[in-house]
């Protein structure tokens, strides 16, 4: 009886703390989403409609399909360049942390900054992103909405004197509230807040308050902007006949492969701009110029592109021929990489939905032409393509299925979506558009104090390490090392001599510091880290994890002894997390 009373008391205290926080975060995120939407609309009118005579189509839930192709297409590069320059000046002069796609910065703040985001960021992000998107930059509302909501969550957490980890939770529920509001997807937004932080884990503590804050934000946003789902109601589209499931599986395979290309293109362009020896605020203007030149030929790549997605869903392919759709897939990847990778302010969710939807549309066209009596409409393939592509690129398969279902007003495609999205997620491996994501909680500094020291100290490295370790020699080229990392989905490789003795370590970040044109000729021995922290097979996991956190590294080579330094394995934070959870489950099983 006393236990039940204590438990009830704890639950009341939890509600007493988190319900007010969740409501406050939801209110501020909802108002922020309204202001952001209004700012994008006004910037689009000012830059594209008045400047270039271009009125892009809108999705069903945001005004309908009417559009006007650019009357002054020659002005598009001027407008996108100006938008990039204005955005760059605002961000880099006032709040440099607001550059890029926003969600990644919010994820980084959760893991590495105790949930702290500068109070300037929400306002600067709102203005800069509205200019980027409104002037035709290929970007979306997700990243800015996430960072705006996260910024408000961080401020509220600080004002209420929350502990660092609790402040991180307040910030994370702001991500869900901002996204849930602006995409009219409260359930998906809440789940995204818990899922987006990791490659293959879930922040369950975020979910209960995120459900409240996302609902509050959605209610405020919907009361002003309307309740119709972004892409209207798509209940009429059913595609649950098992005969077509193999097609959705193949669509998932394609989306997973293209998602890897999207991620590599994005970070390839980002790394290229990073190396340019010019002021940072000028870089988005260069990206904008390149996007504008693409937009002169194909204005469909400009902005978010939701109106064009609506056309594909509705099967209106008069202006979207097969050739144009294939070109749009490739050029939207390039345009997004140039816009956001150059330092422009905007999200990568909308472009991912656009790319995935167009992959689905192209795949539907192929099926329609090759399969006799193919009676399935284009909508299921477009919608499932949207889900599968972002599920792979953003490592949030569950959240994106829920979000796109809410955005289309229908849950009738859940089974095909689960098939395609799971395959795309698996195919894409550990590649992610959000570099700040970590594999599991064990890899997050935000959770460093949660693992039982006693349990970890009772476990040996030799029982948790990976024995089949990949290694290279100092004479391996940098380019070859990068290929090995990409093929095996790893971010660090030990460097050994002919006797398998550890000489150094090379990481993905080390390689990115080497100019691309030099990677074929430069050797690993020139760029590797020589002072390597190693561990022994009989070391305990507690001491090893402490070494990792102190040195901010994710893996340690395991050597036979300090004398021989012969490599016998490697251990990562993920390995430690797996071993810890297996040990805890075993202890619980024994108690039962």
Protein backbone atom coordinates (compact mmCIF):
# COMPACT_ATOMS: atom_id res chain seq x y z
CA UNK A 1 0.00 0.00 0.00
CA UNK A 2 2.79 2.37 0.97
CA UNK A 3 4.70 1.47 -2.24
CA UNK A 4 1.63 2.29 -4.33
CA UNK A 5 1.21 5.61 -2.51
CA UNK A 6 4.88 6.50 -3.10
CA UNK A 7 4.62 5.55 -6.77
CA UNK A 8 1.49 7.68 -7.17
CA UNK A 9 3.27 10.56 -5.44
CA UNK A 10 6.19 10.27 -7.90
CA UNK A 11 3.81 10.26 -10.86
CA UNK A 12 1.99 13.34 -9.56
CA UNK A 13 5.34 15.13 -9.13
CA UNK A 14 6.28 14.14 -12.70
CA UNK A 15 3.02 15.53 -14.07
CA UNK A 16 3.33 18.63 -11.91
CA UNK A 17 6.75 19.34 -13.44
CA UNK A 18 6.36 18.29 -17.07
CA UNK A 19 2.77 19.20 -18.00
CA UNK A 20 3.35 22.97 -17.48
CA UNK A 21 6.69 22.76 -19.31
CA UNK A 22 5.15 20.83 -22.21
CA UNK A 23 2.24 23.28 -22.48
CA UNK A 24 4.56 26.31 -22.41
CA UNK A 25 6.86 24.80 -25.03
CA UNK A 26 3.82 23.91 -27.17
CA UNK A 27 2.41 27.44 -26.97
CA UNK A 28 5.68 29.13 -27.93
CA UNK A 29 6.45 26.58 -30.68
CA UNK A 30 2.93 26.95 -32.12
CA UNK A 31 3.18 30.74 -32.23
CA UNK A 32 6.69 30.45 -33.69
CA UNK A 33 5.41 28.09 -36.42
CA UNK A 34 2.65 30.57 -37.36
CA UNK A 35 5.15 33.43 -37.57
CA UNK A 36 7.55 31.28 -39.62
CA UNK A 37 4.83 30.23 -42.10
CA UNK A 38 3.70 33.84 -42.51
CA UNK A 39 7.31 34.98 -43.04
CA UNK A 40 7.88 32.33 -45.75
CA UNK A 41 4.66 33.37 -47.54
CA UNK A 42 5.64 37.05 -47.53
CA UNK A 43 9.21 36.34 -48.68
CA UNK A 44 7.92 34.11 -51.50
CA UNK A 45 5.60 36.89 -52.69
CA UNK A 46 8.36 39.49 -52.45
CA UNK A 47 11.18 37.50 -54.09
CA UNK A 48 9.65 34.95 -56.46
CA UNK A 49 6.20 36.33 -57.33
CA UNK A 50 7.10 40.02 -57.66
CA UNK A 51 10.74 39.54 -58.61
CA UNK A 52 10.60 36.68 -61.14
CA UNK A 53 6.87 36.44 -61.83
CA UNK A 54 6.89 32.88 -60.50
CA UNK A 55 4.05 31.58 -58.35
CA UNK A 56 4.87 28.00 -57.31
CA UNK A 57 1.95 25.60 -56.83
CA UNK A 58 0.68 24.92 -53.32
CA UNK A 59 -0.46 21.59 -51.87
CA UNK A 60 -4.17 20.98 -51.26
CA UNK A 61 -3.99 21.91 -47.58
CA UNK A 62 -2.28 25.25 -48.25
CA UNK A 63 -4.40 26.85 -50.94
CA UNK A 64 -4.52 24.49 -53.91
CA UNK A 65 -2.76 23.90 -57.17
CA UNK A 66 -2.73 27.17 -59.18
CA UNK A 67 0.72 28.25 -60.33
CA UNK A 68 2.44 30.52 -62.82
CA UNK A 69 5.75 29.62 -64.48
CA UNK A 70 8.43 32.34 -64.20
CA UNK A 71 7.85 35.31 -66.50
CA UNK A 72 11.36 36.65 -65.86
CA UNK A 73 13.35 33.44 -65.52
CA UNK A 74 16.61 35.29 -66.21
CA UNK A 75 16.16 37.05 -62.84
CA UNK A 76 15.95 33.81 -60.84
CA UNK A 77 19.76 33.50 -60.32
CA UNK A 78 19.85 37.14 -59.16
CA UNK A 79 17.04 36.50 -56.66
CA UNK A 80 18.48 33.26 -55.26
CA UNK A 81 21.93 34.89 -54.96
CA UNK A 82 20.46 37.89 -53.13
CA UNK A 83 18.46 35.59 -50.84
CA UNK A 84 21.58 33.57 -50.05
CA UNK A 85 23.61 36.71 -49.34
CA UNK A 86 20.96 38.24 -47.04
CA UNK A 87 20.53 34.95 -45.20
CA UNK A 88 24.31 34.55 -44.86
CA UNK A 89 24.83 38.06 -43.48
CA UNK A 90 22.00 37.69 -40.95
CA UNK A 91 23.19 34.29 -39.71
CA UNK A 92 26.96 34.70 -39.67
CA UNK A 93 26.93 38.23 -38.28
CA UNK A 94 24.31 37.62 -35.57
CA UNK A 95 24.11 33.89 -34.71
CA UNK A 96 26.52 31.58 -36.60
CA UNK A 97 25.04 28.53 -34.85
CA UNK A 98 21.82 29.10 -36.84
CA UNK A 99 23.47 28.14 -40.15
CA UNK A 100 22.59 24.96 -42.01
CA UNK A 101 19.59 22.74 -41.57
CA UNK A 102 18.79 23.34 -37.91
CA UNK A 103 17.76 19.86 -36.81
CA UNK A 104 21.39 18.75 -36.67
CA UNK A 105 22.27 21.69 -34.42
CA UNK A 106 19.36 20.84 -32.11
CA UNK A 107 20.48 17.18 -31.93
CA UNK A 108 24.03 18.33 -31.15
CA UNK A 109 22.72 20.59 -28.37
CA UNK A 110 20.93 17.62 -26.79
CA UNK A 111 23.99 15.35 -26.81
CA UNK A 112 26.84 17.78 -26.22
CA UNK A 113 25.58 21.10 -24.84
CA UNK A 114 23.23 20.13 -22.01
CA UNK A 115 20.26 21.22 -24.09
CA UNK A 116 21.45 24.82 -24.31
CA UNK A 117 20.64 26.93 -27.37
CA UNK A 118 21.32 30.66 -27.56
CA UNK A 119 18.15 32.78 -27.12
CA UNK A 120 19.05 34.57 -30.38
CA UNK A 121 18.80 31.40 -32.47
CA UNK A 122 14.98 31.01 -32.79
CA UNK A 123 14.48 34.56 -34.11
CA UNK A 124 17.55 34.56 -36.39
CA UNK A 125 16.67 31.09 -37.70
CA UNK A 126 13.10 32.17 -38.47
CA UNK A 127 14.14 35.26 -40.44
CA UNK A 128 17.10 33.70 -42.30
CA UNK A 129 15.21 30.52 -43.26
CA UNK A 130 12.17 32.47 -44.48
CA UNK A 131 14.47 34.49 -46.77
CA UNK A 132 16.29 31.35 -48.01
CA UNK A 133 13.10 29.42 -48.81
CA UNK A 134 11.13 32.47 -50.02
CA UNK A 135 13.87 33.46 -52.47
CA UNK A 136 13.84 30.00 -54.06
CA UNK A 137 16.46 28.15 -52.03
CA UNK A 138 15.94 24.39 -52.14
CA UNK A 139 15.20 23.79 -48.47
CA UNK A 140 12.35 22.97 -46.13
CA UNK A 141 10.61 24.12 -42.97
CA UNK A 142 11.50 21.11 -40.77
CA UNK A 143 15.01 22.15 -39.70
CA UNK A 144 14.14 25.75 -38.88
CA UNK A 145 10.93 24.68 -37.10
CA UNK A 146 12.90 22.13 -35.08
CA UNK A 147 15.55 24.67 -34.08
CA UNK A 148 12.97 27.36 -33.34
CA UNK A 149 10.97 24.98 -31.14
CA UNK A 150 14.14 23.60 -29.55
CA UNK A 151 15.34 27.13 -28.81
CA UNK A 152 12.11 27.97 -27.02
CA UNK A 153 12.31 24.65 -25.14
CA UNK A 154 15.87 25.42 -24.07
CA UNK A 155 14.92 28.91 -22.85
CA UNK A 156 11.96 27.57 -20.86
CA UNK A 157 14.13 24.80 -19.37
CA UNK A 158 16.72 27.36 -18.31
CA UNK A 159 14.11 29.73 -16.86
CA UNK A 160 12.65 26.88 -14.79
CA UNK A 161 16.13 25.88 -13.52
CA UNK A 162 15.96 22.33 -14.89
CA UNK A 163 18.94 20.01 -14.52
CA UNK A 164 21.11 19.60 -17.68
CA UNK A 165 19.52 16.32 -18.81
CA UNK A 166 16.01 17.65 -18.13
CA UNK A 167 16.87 20.78 -20.09
CA UNK A 168 17.82 18.49 -22.97
CA UNK A 169 14.41 16.82 -22.76
CA UNK A 170 12.69 20.24 -22.76
CA UNK A 171 14.71 21.17 -25.83
CA UNK A 172 13.84 17.87 -27.56
CA UNK A 173 10.11 18.27 -26.96
CA UNK A 174 10.48 21.68 -28.61
CA UNK A 175 11.73 19.86 -31.73
CA UNK A 176 8.57 17.73 -31.74
CA UNK A 177 6.29 20.70 -31.07
CA UNK A 178 7.75 22.83 -33.86
CA UNK A 179 7.64 20.05 -36.43
CA UNK A 180 4.27 18.69 -35.27
CA UNK A 181 2.73 22.14 -35.67
CA UNK A 182 4.11 23.27 -39.00
CA UNK A 183 3.48 19.91 -40.70
CA UNK A 184 0.09 19.45 -38.99
CA UNK A 185 1.40 16.11 -37.75
CA UNK A 186 1.33 16.16 -33.93
CA UNK A 187 1.71 12.41 -33.39
CA UNK A 188 4.54 12.07 -35.90
CA UNK A 189 6.24 15.20 -34.55
CA UNK A 190 6.23 13.83 -31.00
CA UNK A 191 7.66 10.48 -32.10
CA UNK A 192 10.26 12.25 -34.26
CA UNK A 193 11.47 14.17 -31.20
CA UNK A 194 12.29 10.87 -29.49
CA UNK A 195 13.60 9.04 -32.57
CA UNK A 196 15.64 11.67 -34.42
CA UNK A 197 18.32 11.88 -31.70
CA UNK A 198 19.80 8.45 -32.51
CA UNK A 199 20.64 6.26 -35.49
CA UNK A 200 19.25 3.13 -33.85
CA UNK A 201 17.81 4.05 -30.45
CA UNK A 202 14.89 5.94 -28.93
CA UNK A 203 14.76 8.63 -26.20
CA UNK A 204 11.68 7.31 -24.42
CA UNK A 205 11.79 10.02 -21.70
CA UNK A 206 11.04 12.62 -24.39
CA UNK A 207 7.86 10.97 -25.65
CA UNK A 208 5.22 11.68 -22.92
CA UNK A 209 5.86 15.46 -22.67
CA UNK A 210 6.42 15.63 -26.45
CA UNK A 211 2.93 14.25 -27.07
CA UNK A 212 1.49 17.06 -24.94
CA UNK A 213 3.62 19.88 -26.39
CA UNK A 214 3.12 18.73 -29.98
CA UNK A 215 -0.66 18.59 -29.49
CA UNK A 216 -0.73 22.09 -27.97
CA UNK A 217 1.45 23.51 -30.77
CA UNK A 218 -0.69 21.81 -33.44
CA UNK A 219 -3.91 23.17 -31.86
CA UNK A 220 -2.58 26.73 -31.88
CA UNK A 221 -1.19 26.45 -35.42
CA UNK A 222 -4.31 24.75 -36.81
CA UNK A 223 -6.67 27.31 -35.26
CA UNK A 224 -4.97 30.01 -37.35
CA UNK A 225 -3.74 28.16 -40.46
CA UNK A 226 -6.57 25.62 -40.82
CA UNK A 227 -6.91 21.92 -40.08
CA UNK A 228 -6.72 20.39 -43.56
CA UNK A 229 -3.72 18.02 -43.90
CA UNK A 230 -0.96 19.49 -46.07
CA UNK A 231 -1.65 17.12 -48.98
CA UNK A 232 -5.42 16.96 -48.44
CA UNK A 233 -7.28 13.75 -47.61
CA UNK A 234 -5.99 10.70 -49.48
CA UNK A 235 -8.29 8.01 -48.01
CA UNK A 236 -9.40 6.97 -51.48
CA UNK A 237 -5.99 5.52 -52.22
CA UNK A 238 -5.72 1.94 -51.03
CA UNK A 239 -2.94 -0.41 -52.02
CA UNK A 240 -2.93 -3.30 -49.59
CA UNK A 241 -3.21 -6.09 -52.15
CA UNK A 242 -0.28 -8.43 -51.28
CA UNK A 243 0.36 -8.99 -54.99
CA UNK A 244 1.91 -5.52 -55.16
CA UNK A 245 4.03 -5.79 -51.98
CA UNK A 246 7.16 -6.90 -53.90
CA UNK A 247 6.94 -3.65 -55.87
CA UNK A 248 6.97 -1.61 -52.66
CA UNK A 249 9.92 -3.66 -51.43
CA UNK A 250 11.81 -2.81 -54.64
CA UNK A 251 10.83 0.86 -54.26
CA UNK A 252 12.31 0.76 -50.74
CA UNK A 253 15.53 -0.70 -52.13
CA UNK A 254 15.81 2.13 -54.67
CA UNK A 255 15.04 4.78 -52.03
CA UNK A 256 17.72 3.36 -49.72
CA UNK A 257 20.37 3.49 -52.45
CA UNK A 258 19.44 7.01 -53.60
CA UNK A 259 19.36 8.18 -49.96
CA UNK A 260 23.04 7.23 -49.63
CA UNK A 261 23.75 9.33 -52.74
CA UNK A 262 21.76 12.24 -51.26
CA UNK A 263 23.72 12.12 -48.00
CA UNK A 264 27.11 11.87 -49.72
CA UNK A 265 26.25 14.64 -52.17
CA UNK A 266 25.08 16.89 -49.34
CA UNK A 267 28.21 16.45 -47.23
CA UNK A 268 30.49 16.44 -50.28
CA UNK A 269 29.20 19.91 -51.20
CA UNK A 270 29.26 21.02 -47.54
CA UNK A 271 32.91 19.97 -47.21
CA UNK A 272 33.73 21.73 -50.49
CA UNK A 273 32.26 25.02 -49.24
CA UNK A 274 33.98 24.55 -45.88
CA UNK A 275 37.36 24.60 -47.63
CA UNK A 276 36.65 27.77 -49.65
CA UNK A 277 38.85 30.58 -48.34
CA UNK A 278 36.16 33.28 -48.47
CA UNK A 279 33.95 34.89 -45.78
CA UNK A 280 31.29 32.46 -44.54
CA UNK A 281 28.44 34.89 -45.18
CA UNK A 282 29.28 34.95 -48.91
CA UNK A 283 29.09 31.16 -49.33
CA UNK A 284 25.25 30.90 -49.29
CA UNK A 285 25.19 33.49 -52.09
CA UNK A 286 27.42 31.26 -54.25
CA UNK A 287 25.18 28.29 -53.48
CA UNK A 288 22.16 30.44 -54.30
CA UNK A 289 23.63 31.47 -57.65
CA UNK A 290 24.17 27.82 -58.64
CA UNK A 291 20.62 26.91 -57.55
CA UNK A 292 19.24 29.86 -59.52
CA UNK A 293 20.96 28.66 -62.69
CA UNK A 294 19.34 25.23 -62.21
CA UNK A 295 16.00 26.93 -61.46
CA UNK A 296 16.07 28.82 -64.75
CA UNK A 297 15.73 25.50 -66.55
CA UNK A 298 13.66 23.63 -63.95
CA UNK A 299 11.83 25.97 -61.54
CA UNK A 300 10.33 22.89 -59.85
CA UNK A 301 13.56 22.54 -57.81
CA UNK A 302 13.07 25.95 -56.18
CA UNK A 303 11.65 26.19 -52.67
CA UNK A 304 10.03 23.29 -50.84
CA UNK A 305 8.27 21.76 -53.86
CA UNK A 306 5.15 20.54 -52.03
CA UNK A 307 2.84 21.75 -54.81
CA UNK A 308 4.68 19.61 -57.36
CA UNK A 309 4.46 16.66 -54.98
CA UNK A 310 0.69 17.23 -54.80
CA UNK A 311 0.54 16.97 -58.59
CA UNK A 312 2.40 13.67 -58.51
CA UNK A 313 0.05 12.36 -55.79
CA UNK A 314 -2.98 13.39 -57.86
CA UNK A 315 -1.54 11.82 -61.02
CA UNK A 316 -1.29 15.12 -62.92
CA UNK A 317 1.74 14.37 -65.07
CA UNK A 318 1.18 16.91 -67.86
CA UNK A 319 4.02 19.12 -66.58
CA UNK A 320 5.83 16.22 -64.90
CA UNK A 321 6.93 13.86 -67.66
CA UNK A 322 9.14 10.85 -66.91
CA UNK A 323 12.25 12.65 -68.20
CA UNK A 324 11.53 15.75 -66.10
CA UNK A 325 10.92 13.63 -62.99
CA UNK A 326 14.27 11.84 -63.35
CA UNK A 327 15.99 15.21 -63.86
CA UNK A 328 14.21 16.60 -60.79
CA UNK A 329 15.42 13.74 -58.59
CA UNK A 330 19.05 14.40 -59.52
CA UNK A 331 18.84 18.19 -59.56
CA UNK A 332 16.85 18.46 -56.32
CA UNK A 333 19.64 16.53 -54.58
CA UNK A 334 22.19 18.92 -56.07
CA UNK A 335 20.12 22.06 -55.39
CA UNK A 336 19.53 21.11 -51.74
CA UNK A 337 23.21 20.31 -51.28
CA UNK A 338 24.11 23.72 -52.73
CA UNK A 339 21.51 25.65 -50.73
CA UNK A 340 21.97 24.13 -47.27
CA UNK A 341 25.47 22.71 -47.73
CA UNK A 342 26.81 26.18 -48.53
CA UNK A 343 25.58 27.41 -45.15
CA UNK A 344 22.12 28.57 -46.21
CA UNK A 345 19.42 28.32 -43.58
CA UNK A 346 16.73 25.69 -44.20
CA UNK A 347 15.69 22.11 -43.59
CA UNK A 348 16.38 18.87 -45.43
CA UNK A 349 13.06 17.12 -44.66
CA UNK A 350 10.97 18.76 -47.42
CA UNK A 351 13.61 18.11 -50.11
CA UNK A 352 13.82 14.49 -48.94
CA UNK A 353 10.04 14.10 -49.25
CA UNK A 354 10.21 15.68 -52.72
CA UNK A 355 13.00 13.37 -53.88
CA UNK A 356 11.33 10.28 -52.41
CA UNK A 357 7.97 11.23 -53.88
CA UNK A 358 9.47 11.72 -57.34
CA UNK A 359 11.28 8.38 -57.09
CA UNK A 360 7.88 6.84 -56.30
CA UNK A 361 6.28 8.65 -59.26
CA UNK A 362 9.00 7.49 -61.68
CA UNK A 363 8.74 3.93 -60.37
CA UNK A 364 4.95 4.02 -60.80
CA UNK A 365 5.36 5.18 -64.41
CA UNK A 366 7.71 2.26 -65.13
CA UNK A 367 5.28 -0.23 -63.53
CA UNK A 368 2.36 1.31 -65.41
CA UNK A 369 4.12 0.89 -68.75
CA UNK A 370 5.49 -2.63 -68.12
CA UNK A 371 2.72 -4.41 -66.17
CA UNK A 372 -0.50 -5.23 -68.07
CA UNK A 373 -3.71 -4.03 -66.37
CA UNK A 374 -1.77 -2.19 -63.69
CA UNK A 375 -4.70 -0.53 -61.93
CA UNK A 376 -2.93 1.11 -58.99
CA UNK A 377 -2.99 4.93 -58.88
CA UNK A 378 0.23 6.94 -58.60
CA UNK A 379 -0.55 8.23 -55.09
CA UNK A 380 0.42 5.10 -53.09
CA UNK A 381 3.83 4.93 -54.77
CA UNK A 382 4.49 8.66 -54.37
CA UNK A 383 3.46 8.66 -50.70
CA UNK A 384 5.36 5.46 -49.84
CA UNK A 385 8.42 6.84 -51.67
CA UNK A 386 8.27 9.95 -49.47
CA UNK A 387 8.22 7.82 -46.33
CA UNK A 388 10.91 5.36 -47.40
CA UNK A 389 13.38 7.99 -48.58
CA UNK A 390 13.37 10.11 -45.43
CA UNK A 391 13.19 7.02 -43.23
CA UNK A 392 16.52 6.01 -44.79
CA UNK A 393 18.17 9.44 -44.95
CA UNK A 394 17.01 10.74 -41.56
CA UNK A 395 17.11 7.46 -39.63
CA UNK A 396 13.56 8.02 -38.36
CA UNK A 397 11.48 5.30 -40.04
CA UNK A 398 8.68 5.14 -37.48
CA UNK A 399 8.24 8.91 -37.18
CA UNK A 400 8.20 9.54 -40.93
CA UNK A 401 5.54 6.86 -41.53
CA UNK A 402 3.33 8.57 -38.94
CA UNK A 403 4.13 12.10 -40.16
CA UNK A 404 3.44 11.46 -43.84
CA UNK A 405 0.26 9.57 -42.91
CA UNK A 406 -0.90 12.68 -41.02
CA UNK A 407 0.25 15.00 -43.83
CA UNK A 408 -1.83 13.01 -46.33
CA UNK A 409 -4.77 12.48 -43.97
CA UNK A 410 -4.69 8.71 -44.35
CA UNK A 411 -3.30 5.63 -42.63
CA UNK A 412 -4.37 3.30 -45.44
CA UNK A 413 -0.80 2.79 -46.69
CA UNK A 414 0.76 1.62 -43.43
CA UNK A 415 1.56 -1.92 -44.62
CA UNK A 416 3.28 -0.91 -47.91
CA UNK A 417 5.02 1.91 -46.02
CA UNK A 418 6.39 -0.45 -43.38
CA UNK A 419 7.77 -2.77 -46.07
CA UNK A 420 9.43 -0.04 -48.14
CA UNK A 421 10.69 2.07 -45.23
CA UNK A 422 12.24 -0.82 -43.33
CA UNK A 423 14.11 -1.99 -46.44
CA UNK A 424 15.29 1.55 -47.26
CA UNK A 425 16.43 2.04 -43.65
CA UNK A 426 18.44 -1.21 -43.67
CA UNK A 427 19.96 -0.59 -47.12
CA UNK A 428 21.18 2.89 -46.13
CA UNK A 429 23.13 1.42 -43.19
CA UNK A 430 24.60 3.97 -40.79
CA UNK A 431 24.58 6.75 -43.37
CA UNK A 432 22.53 9.67 -42.05
CA UNK A 433 21.79 13.22 -43.12
CA UNK A 434 22.08 14.24 -39.44
CA UNK A 435 25.75 13.94 -38.48
CA UNK A 436 25.06 14.82 -34.85
CA UNK A 437 23.01 11.65 -34.38
CA UNK A 438 24.79 9.00 -32.33
CA UNK A 439 24.13 5.25 -32.65
CA UNK A 440 22.68 4.63 -29.17
CA UNK A 441 22.33 6.19 -25.72
CA UNK A 442 25.67 4.63 -24.78
CA UNK A 443 27.30 6.93 -27.35
CA UNK A 444 25.65 10.09 -26.01
CA UNK A 445 27.46 12.30 -23.47
CA UNK A 446 23.96 13.25 -22.25
CA UNK A 447 23.67 9.73 -20.81
CA UNK A 448 27.22 9.25 -19.57
CA UNK A 449 26.13 9.11 -15.92
CA UNK A 450 23.34 6.60 -16.40
CA UNK A 451 25.32 3.41 -16.83
CA UNK A 452 25.89 1.52 -13.62
CA UNK A 453 29.60 1.79 -12.85
CA UNK A 454 29.44 -1.47 -10.92
CA UNK A 455 28.00 -3.37 -13.88
CA UNK A 456 30.51 -1.91 -16.36
CA UNK A 457 33.49 -2.50 -14.07
CA UNK A 458 32.52 -6.12 -13.77
CA UNK A 459 32.73 -6.62 -17.55
CA UNK A 460 35.90 -7.16 -19.58
CA UNK A 461 36.83 -5.64 -22.92
CA UNK A 462 37.55 -9.09 -24.40
CA UNK A 463 33.90 -10.08 -23.95
CA UNK A 464 32.50 -7.01 -25.72
CA UNK A 465 35.07 -6.11 -28.40
CA UNK A 466 34.84 -6.79 -32.13
CA UNK A 467 37.54 -9.34 -32.96
CA UNK A 468 37.20 -9.27 -36.74
CA UNK A 469 38.76 -5.83 -37.00
CA UNK A 470 39.52 -3.98 -40.24
CA UNK A 471 42.96 -2.34 -40.33
CA UNK A 472 45.17 -0.57 -42.89
CA UNK A 473 48.86 0.27 -43.29
CA UNK A 474 50.50 3.72 -43.37
CA UNK A 475 51.05 3.35 -47.14
CA UNK A 476 47.32 3.05 -47.87
CA UNK A 477 46.05 6.08 -49.79
CA UNK A 478 43.58 8.41 -48.09
CA UNK A 479 41.08 7.76 -50.90
CA UNK A 480 41.29 3.98 -50.37
CA UNK A 481 40.75 4.40 -46.62
CA UNK A 482 37.62 6.47 -47.32
CA UNK A 483 36.31 3.72 -49.63
CA UNK A 484 36.89 1.11 -46.90
CA UNK A 485 34.98 3.23 -44.38
CA UNK A 486 32.06 3.81 -46.74
CA UNK A 487 31.81 0.14 -47.76
CA UNK A 488 31.88 -1.11 -44.18
CA UNK A 489 29.87 1.68 -42.54
CA UNK A 490 32.65 2.56 -40.07
CA UNK A 491 34.17 5.90 -39.04
CA UNK A 492 37.59 4.89 -37.75
CA UNK A 493 40.31 2.40 -38.73
CA UNK A 494 43.46 1.36 -36.81
CA UNK A 495 46.73 1.76 -38.73
CA UNK A 496 49.20 -1.13 -38.27
CA UNK A 497 52.65 -2.19 -39.48
CA UNK A 498 53.58 -5.51 -41.12
CA UNK A 499 53.57 -7.21 -37.69
CA UNK A 500 50.06 -5.95 -36.90
CA UNK A 501 51.36 -3.49 -34.29
CA UNK A 502 49.24 -0.36 -33.83
CA UNK A 503 50.93 2.75 -35.23
CA UNK A 504 48.01 5.14 -35.34
CA UNK A 505 44.33 5.75 -36.00
CA UNK A 506 42.52 7.39 -38.90
CA UNK A 507 38.95 8.69 -38.62
CA UNK A 508 36.37 9.94 -41.09
CA UNK A 509 36.85 13.47 -39.74
CA UNK A 510 40.63 13.23 -40.36
CA UNK A 511 39.99 12.30 -43.99
CA UNK A 512 37.56 15.19 -44.53
CA UNK A 513 40.36 17.58 -43.55
CA UNK A 514 42.37 16.40 -46.59
CA UNK A 515 41.47 18.30 -49.81
CA UNK A 516 39.61 16.02 -52.21
CA UNK A 517 42.13 16.49 -55.02
CA UNK A 518 44.95 15.24 -52.73
CA UNK A 519 43.26 12.10 -51.40
CA UNK A 520 44.54 9.77 -54.14
CA UNK A 521 48.17 10.78 -53.70
CA UNK A 522 48.51 11.33 -49.94
CA UNK A 523 49.19 8.36 -47.66
CA UNK A 524 47.47 7.54 -44.37
CA UNK A 525 50.83 7.75 -42.57
CA UNK A 526 50.86 11.50 -43.28
CA UNK A 527 47.47 12.30 -41.77
CA UNK A 528 46.78 9.64 -39.12
CA UNK A 529 46.66 10.34 -35.39
CA UNK A 530 49.87 8.88 -33.92
CA UNK A 531 49.15 9.25 -30.21
CA UNK A 532 46.56 6.52 -29.99
CA UNK A 533 44.72 5.63 -26.80
CA UNK A 534 44.49 1.84 -26.64
CA UNK A 535 43.04 -0.64 -24.18
CA UNK A 536 43.81 -4.20 -23.11
CA UNK A 537 41.49 -7.23 -23.29
CA UNK A 538 41.31 -7.48 -19.49
CA UNK A 539 40.48 -3.80 -18.93
CA UNK A 540 37.00 -3.21 -17.51
CA UNK A 541 34.37 -1.45 -19.62
CA UNK A 542 33.88 1.30 -17.03
CA UNK A 543 37.45 2.55 -17.40
CA UNK A 544 37.29 2.24 -21.19
CA UNK A 545 34.06 4.28 -21.42
CA UNK A 546 35.63 6.92 -19.17
CA UNK A 547 38.63 7.15 -21.53
CA UNK A 548 36.28 7.59 -24.49
CA UNK A 549 34.31 10.39 -22.85
CA UNK A 550 37.44 12.20 -21.59
CA UNK A 551 39.05 12.17 -25.04
CA UNK A 552 35.77 12.60 -26.97
CA UNK A 553 36.39 9.51 -29.12
CA UNK A 554 34.06 6.74 -30.16
CA UNK A 555 36.39 3.73 -30.44
CA UNK A 556 39.61 2.27 -29.01
CA UNK A 557 41.95 -0.32 -30.56
CA UNK A 558 42.40 -3.37 -28.33
CA UNK A 559 46.03 -4.52 -28.12
CA UNK A 560 47.53 -7.79 -26.87
CA UNK A 561 49.84 -6.00 -24.40
CA UNK A 562 51.53 -2.64 -23.90
CA UNK A 563 54.84 -4.24 -24.92
CA UNK A 564 53.81 -5.84 -28.23
CA UNK A 565 51.03 -3.37 -29.18
CA UNK A 566 49.67 -6.11 -31.48
CA UNK A 567 46.11 -5.36 -32.61
CA UNK A 568 43.59 -8.02 -31.57
CA UNK A 569 40.30 -6.10 -31.79
CA UNK A 570 38.42 -2.83 -31.52
CA UNK A 571 35.76 -1.63 -29.09
CA UNK A 572 33.21 1.15 -29.67
CA UNK A 573 30.69 2.93 -27.47
CA UNK A 574 28.02 0.95 -29.29
CA UNK A 575 29.74 -2.33 -28.30
CA UNK A 576 29.77 -1.20 -24.66
CA UNK A 577 26.09 -0.24 -24.82
CA UNK A 578 25.14 -3.63 -26.25
CA UNK A 579 27.16 -5.50 -23.63
CA UNK A 580 25.69 -3.39 -20.83
CA UNK A 581 22.08 -3.95 -21.91
CA UNK A 582 22.68 -7.69 -22.38
CA UNK A 583 24.14 -7.89 -18.86
CA UNK A 584 21.24 -5.95 -17.31
CA UNK A 585 18.69 -8.15 -19.10
CA UNK A 586 20.50 -11.24 -17.80
CA UNK A 587 20.41 -9.87 -14.23
CA UNK A 588 16.69 -9.10 -14.53
CA UNK A 589 16.06 -12.60 -15.89
CA UNK A 590 17.83 -14.15 -12.89
CA UNK A 591 15.77 -12.06 -10.46
CA UNK A 592 12.55 -13.19 -12.09
